[in-house]
Amino acid sequence: MSYHGPASIAGTQVRAHLSGRWEPVDGRFHWGGRIEPDPTVARLLRSGRRDVELRIADRARPARLAEVDPWGGVRITGVGDPPWSPAEPSAASEHLEN
């Protein structure tokens, strides 16, 4: 289960690359991935803000910013229902349409 597409964090439009899995140890769904480089999101993390809300379409979920990667993207994680629905487009379907 994955999602590649538009999202928002703190009112900032971003592109997210996310995937998730069931974790048998705690019995919960864990999801996470990368936000493409965005100076506003990187500034949030560097200012000490880690807890954010990730919104995709009409679904918003609590998430945690983890680190800025070497390319300027920001790692993000979450636990519980993912912020994307199974009907949301993925990178594969976007490429098929283009």
N, C-alpha and C. Protein backbone atom coordinates (compact mmCIF):
# COMPACT_ATOMS: atom_id res chain seq x y z
N MET A 1 0.86 -1.17 0.00
CA MET A 1 0.00 0.00 0.00
C MET A 1 0.90 1.23 0.00
N SER A 2 0.72 2.09 -1.01
CA SER A 2 1.57 3.27 -1.08
C SER A 2 0.82 4.44 -1.72
N TYR A 3 1.42 5.61 -1.59
CA TYR A 3 0.86 6.83 -2.16
C TYR A 3 2.00 7.72 -2.64
N HIS A 4 1.85 8.29 -3.81
CA HIS A 4 2.81 9.24 -4.36
C HIS A 4 1.99 10.36 -4.99
N GLY A 5 2.04 11.55 -4.37
CA GLY A 5 1.26 12.64 -4.95
C GLY A 5 1.18 13.84 -4.03
N PRO A 6 0.22 14.73 -4.31
CA PRO A 6 0.10 15.97 -3.54
C PRO A 6 -0.40 15.74 -2.13
N ALA A 7 0.06 16.61 -1.23
CA ALA A 7 -0.34 16.58 0.18
C ALA A 7 -0.12 17.98 0.74
N SER A 8 -0.48 18.18 2.00
CA SER A 8 -0.17 19.47 2.64
C SER A 8 0.24 19.24 4.08
N ILE A 9 1.15 20.08 4.52
CA ILE A 9 1.64 20.10 5.91
C ILE A 9 1.64 21.55 6.34
N ALA A 10 0.94 21.84 7.43
CA ALA A 10 0.89 23.20 7.98
C ALA A 10 0.52 24.22 6.89
N GLY A 11 -0.43 23.86 6.04
CA GLY A 11 -0.88 24.78 5.00
C GLY A 11 0.04 24.88 3.80
N THR A 12 1.13 24.13 3.79
CA THR A 12 2.09 24.16 2.68
C THR A 12 1.83 22.97 1.76
N GLN A 13 1.64 23.24 0.48
CA GLN A 13 1.45 22.18 -0.50
C GLN A 13 2.79 21.51 -0.78
N VAL A 14 2.80 20.17 -0.71
CA VAL A 14 4.02 19.39 -0.92
C VAL A 14 3.69 18.17 -1.79
N ARG A 15 4.75 17.45 -2.16
CA ARG A 15 4.58 16.14 -2.82
C ARG A 15 5.13 15.11 -1.87
N ALA A 16 4.33 14.06 -1.64
CA ALA A 16 4.69 13.02 -0.68
C ALA A 16 4.88 11.68 -1.39
N HIS A 17 5.81 10.91 -0.89
CA HIS A 17 6.06 9.54 -1.34
C HIS A 17 5.98 8.68 -0.09
N LEU A 18 4.88 7.94 0.07
CA LEU A 18 4.59 7.24 1.31
C LEU A 18 4.27 5.77 1.06
N SER A 19 4.54 4.97 2.05
CA SER A 19 4.13 3.56 2.02
C SER A 19 3.84 3.14 3.45
N GLY A 20 3.18 1.99 3.59
CA GLY A 20 2.83 1.54 4.94
C GLY A 20 2.81 0.04 5.03
N ARG A 21 2.75 -0.43 6.26
CA ARG A 21 2.74 -1.88 6.52
C ARG A 21 2.15 -2.14 7.89
N TRP A 22 1.57 -3.33 8.05
CA TRP A 22 1.12 -3.77 9.37
C TRP A 22 2.33 -4.25 10.14
N GLU A 23 2.47 -3.81 11.38
CA GLU A 23 3.58 -4.23 12.23
C GLU A 23 3.06 -5.30 13.18
N PRO A 24 3.49 -6.55 13.02
CA PRO A 24 2.96 -7.62 13.86
C PRO A 24 3.32 -7.48 15.35
N VAL A 25 4.40 -6.80 15.65
CA VAL A 25 4.82 -6.67 17.05
C VAL A 25 3.80 -5.88 17.87
N ASP A 26 3.30 -4.75 17.32
CA ASP A 26 2.34 -3.95 18.07
C ASP A 26 0.92 -4.02 17.49
N GLY A 27 0.76 -4.70 16.35
CA GLY A 27 -0.56 -4.88 15.76
C GLY A 27 -1.15 -3.61 15.15
N ARG A 28 -0.30 -2.64 14.82
CA ARG A 28 -0.81 -1.38 14.25
C ARG A 28 -0.20 -1.16 12.87
N PHE A 29 -0.85 -0.28 12.11
CA PHE A 29 -0.37 0.08 10.78
C PHE A 29 0.62 1.22 10.93
N HIS A 30 1.82 1.06 10.39
CA HIS A 30 2.87 2.08 10.42
C HIS A 30 3.08 2.57 8.99
N TRP A 31 3.10 3.88 8.80
CA TRP A 31 3.31 4.44 7.47
C TRP A 31 4.35 5.55 7.55
N GLY A 32 4.93 5.85 6.44
CA GLY A 32 5.92 6.91 6.40
C GLY A 32 6.55 7.01 5.04
N GLY A 33 7.49 7.91 4.93
CA GLY A 33 8.17 8.10 3.66
C GLY A 33 8.88 9.42 3.63
N ARG A 34 8.73 10.11 2.51
CA ARG A 34 9.52 11.31 2.25
C ARG A 34 8.66 12.40 1.65
N ILE A 35 8.89 13.60 2.11
CA ILE A 35 8.31 14.80 1.51
C ILE A 35 9.38 15.37 0.60
N GLU A 36 9.04 15.63 -0.66
CA GLU A 36 10.03 16.20 -1.58
C GLU A 36 10.56 17.52 -1.01
N PRO A 37 11.77 17.92 -1.39
CA PRO A 37 12.37 19.14 -0.83
C PRO A 37 11.42 20.33 -0.87
N ASP A 38 11.26 20.94 0.30
CA ASP A 38 10.44 22.14 0.45
C ASP A 38 11.03 22.94 1.60
N PRO A 39 11.45 24.18 1.35
CA PRO A 39 12.11 24.96 2.40
C PRO A 39 11.22 25.22 3.61
N THR A 40 9.91 25.34 3.42
CA THR A 40 9.01 25.61 4.55
C THR A 40 8.96 24.42 5.50
N VAL A 41 8.85 23.21 4.95
CA VAL A 41 8.79 22.00 5.78
C VAL A 41 10.13 21.77 6.47
N ALA A 42 11.23 21.95 5.75
CA ALA A 42 12.55 21.80 6.37
C ALA A 42 12.74 22.82 7.49
N ARG A 43 12.24 24.04 7.30
CA ARG A 43 12.35 25.08 8.32
C ARG A 43 11.52 24.71 9.56
N LEU A 44 10.34 24.11 9.36
CA LEU A 44 9.54 23.64 10.50
C LEU A 44 10.33 22.66 11.35
N LEU A 45 10.93 21.68 10.69
CA LEU A 45 11.70 20.67 11.41
C LEU A 45 12.91 21.28 12.11
N ARG A 46 13.64 22.12 11.42
CA ARG A 46 14.84 22.72 12.02
C ARG A 46 14.51 23.67 13.17
N SER A 47 13.28 24.20 13.18
CA SER A 47 12.88 25.07 14.28
C SER A 47 12.43 24.27 15.51
N GLY A 48 12.40 22.94 15.38
CA GLY A 48 12.05 22.10 16.51
C GLY A 48 10.65 21.50 16.43
N ARG A 49 9.90 21.83 15.42
CA ARG A 49 8.55 21.28 15.29
C ARG A 49 8.64 19.91 14.63
N ARG A 50 8.17 18.93 15.31
CA ARG A 50 8.18 17.57 14.78
C ARG A 50 6.77 17.04 14.55
N ASP A 51 5.85 17.36 15.44
CA ASP A 51 4.48 16.87 15.32
C ASP A 51 3.69 17.78 14.38
N VAL A 52 3.15 17.19 13.32
CA VAL A 52 2.40 17.93 12.30
C VAL A 52 1.17 17.13 11.92
N GLU A 53 0.35 17.73 11.08
CA GLU A 53 -0.78 17.04 10.49
C GLU A 53 -0.52 16.95 8.99
N LEU A 54 -0.59 15.74 8.47
CA LEU A 54 -0.41 15.52 7.03
C LEU A 54 -1.79 15.35 6.43
N ARG A 55 -2.10 16.14 5.42
CA ARG A 55 -3.41 16.10 4.78
C ARG A 55 -3.25 15.69 3.32
N ILE A 56 -4.06 14.69 2.94
CA ILE A 56 -4.15 14.27 1.55
C ILE A 56 -5.64 14.24 1.23
N ALA A 57 -6.03 15.09 0.29
CA ALA A 57 -7.46 15.27 -0.07
C ALA A 57 -8.23 15.63 1.20
N ASP A 58 -9.23 14.86 1.58
CA ASP A 58 -10.03 15.19 2.76
C ASP A 58 -9.63 14.40 3.99
N ARG A 59 -8.50 13.70 3.94
CA ARG A 59 -8.03 12.89 5.08
C ARG A 59 -6.82 13.56 5.73
N ALA A 60 -6.90 13.82 7.01
CA ALA A 60 -5.78 14.40 7.76
C ALA A 60 -5.40 13.44 8.88
N ARG A 61 -4.10 13.26 9.05
CA ARG A 61 -3.61 12.35 10.09
C ARG A 61 -2.42 12.98 10.80
N PRO A 62 -2.29 12.70 12.10
CA PRO A 62 -1.09 13.17 12.81
C PRO A 62 0.15 12.45 12.28
N ALA A 63 1.24 13.18 12.19
CA ALA A 63 2.49 12.62 11.68
C ALA A 63 3.65 13.26 12.43
N ARG A 64 4.81 12.69 12.21
CA ARG A 64 6.02 13.20 12.87
C ARG A 64 7.11 13.40 11.83
N LEU A 65 7.66 14.61 11.81
CA LEU A 65 8.81 14.89 10.94
C LEU A 65 10.05 14.29 11.59
N ALA A 66 10.86 13.59 10.82
CA ALA A 66 12.00 12.87 11.40
C ALA A 66 13.33 13.54 11.15
N GLU A 67 13.65 13.83 9.90
CA GLU A 67 14.97 14.39 9.58
C GLU A 67 14.96 14.94 8.16
N VAL A 68 15.88 15.82 7.89
CA VAL A 68 16.08 16.32 6.53
C VAL A 68 17.12 15.41 5.88
N ASP A 69 16.78 14.87 4.71
CA ASP A 69 17.73 13.98 4.05
C ASP A 69 18.77 14.80 3.27
N PRO A 70 19.80 14.14 2.74
CA PRO A 70 20.87 14.88 2.04
C PRO A 70 20.40 15.68 0.83
N TRP A 71 19.23 15.38 0.29
CA TRP A 71 18.72 16.07 -0.89
C TRP A 71 17.73 17.18 -0.53
N GLY A 72 17.50 17.40 0.77
CA GLY A 72 16.60 18.46 1.21
C GLY A 72 15.17 18.02 1.45
N GLY A 73 14.87 16.74 1.21
CA GLY A 73 13.55 16.20 1.53
C GLY A 73 13.44 15.94 3.02
N VAL A 74 12.22 15.75 3.50
CA VAL A 74 12.02 15.50 4.93
C VAL A 74 11.34 14.15 5.11
N ARG A 75 11.93 13.32 5.96
CA ARG A 75 11.34 12.02 6.31
C ARG A 75 10.16 12.27 7.24
N ILE A 76 9.09 11.49 7.05
CA ILE A 76 7.88 11.65 7.85
C ILE A 76 7.35 10.26 8.23
N THR A 77 6.80 10.13 9.43
CA THR A 77 6.27 8.85 9.88
C THR A 77 4.92 9.05 10.55
N GLY A 78 4.16 7.96 10.62
CA GLY A 78 2.88 7.99 11.31
C GLY A 78 2.46 6.59 11.68
N VAL A 79 1.51 6.50 12.61
CA VAL A 79 0.98 5.21 13.06
C VAL A 79 -0.54 5.31 13.05
N GLY A 80 -1.18 4.26 12.57
CA GLY A 80 -2.64 4.25 12.49
C GLY A 80 -3.09 4.36 11.05
N ASP A 81 -4.35 4.69 10.86
CA ASP A 81 -4.87 4.84 9.50
C ASP A 81 -4.00 5.80 8.71
N PRO A 82 -3.64 5.44 7.48
CA PRO A 82 -2.81 6.34 6.67
C PRO A 82 -3.62 7.54 6.17
N PRO A 83 -2.95 8.60 5.78
CA PRO A 83 -3.64 9.79 5.30
C PRO A 83 -4.16 9.65 3.86
N TRP A 84 -3.87 8.57 3.19
CA TRP A 84 -4.37 8.37 1.83
C TRP A 84 -5.41 7.24 1.86
N SER A 85 -6.34 7.29 0.95
CA SER A 85 -7.31 6.21 0.83
C SER A 85 -6.87 5.30 -0.31
N PRO A 86 -7.34 4.07 -0.33
CA PRO A 86 -6.94 3.17 -1.41
C PRO A 86 -7.30 3.71 -2.79
N ALA A 87 -8.27 4.62 -2.87
CA ALA A 87 -8.68 5.17 -4.16
C ALA A 87 -7.78 6.30 -4.64
N GLU A 88 -6.86 6.81 -3.79
CA GLU A 88 -5.98 7.91 -4.17
C GLU A 88 -5.03 7.44 -5.26
N PRO A 89 -4.62 8.34 -6.17
CA PRO A 89 -3.70 7.95 -7.23
C PRO A 89 -2.32 7.65 -6.68
N SER A 90 -1.64 6.75 -7.34
CA SER A 90 -0.25 6.46 -6.97
C SER A 90 0.65 6.87 -8.13
N ALA A 91 1.93 6.78 -7.92
CA ALA A 91 2.87 7.15 -8.97
C ALA A 91 2.64 6.29 -10.20
N ALA A 92 2.35 5.02 -10.01
CA ALA A 92 2.14 4.13 -11.15
C ALA A 92 0.97 4.61 -12.00
N SER A 93 -0.15 4.96 -11.37
CA SER A 93 -1.30 5.40 -12.16
C SER A 93 -1.05 6.76 -12.79
N GLU A 94 -0.31 7.64 -12.12
CA GLU A 94 0.01 8.94 -12.70
C GLU A 94 0.85 8.77 -13.96
N HIS A 95 1.80 7.83 -13.94
CA HIS A 95 2.66 7.61 -15.10
C HIS A 95 1.87 7.00 -16.26
N LEU A 96 0.88 6.16 -15.94
CA LEU A 96 0.08 5.56 -16.99
C LEU A 96 -0.77 6.59 -17.71
N GLU A 97 -1.21 7.64 -16.99
CA GLU A 97 -2.04 8.65 -17.59
C GLU A 97 -1.25 9.61 -18.46
N ASN A 98 0.06 9.77 -18.19
CA ASN A 98 0.88 10.74 -18.94
C ASN A 98 1.42 10.16 -20.21
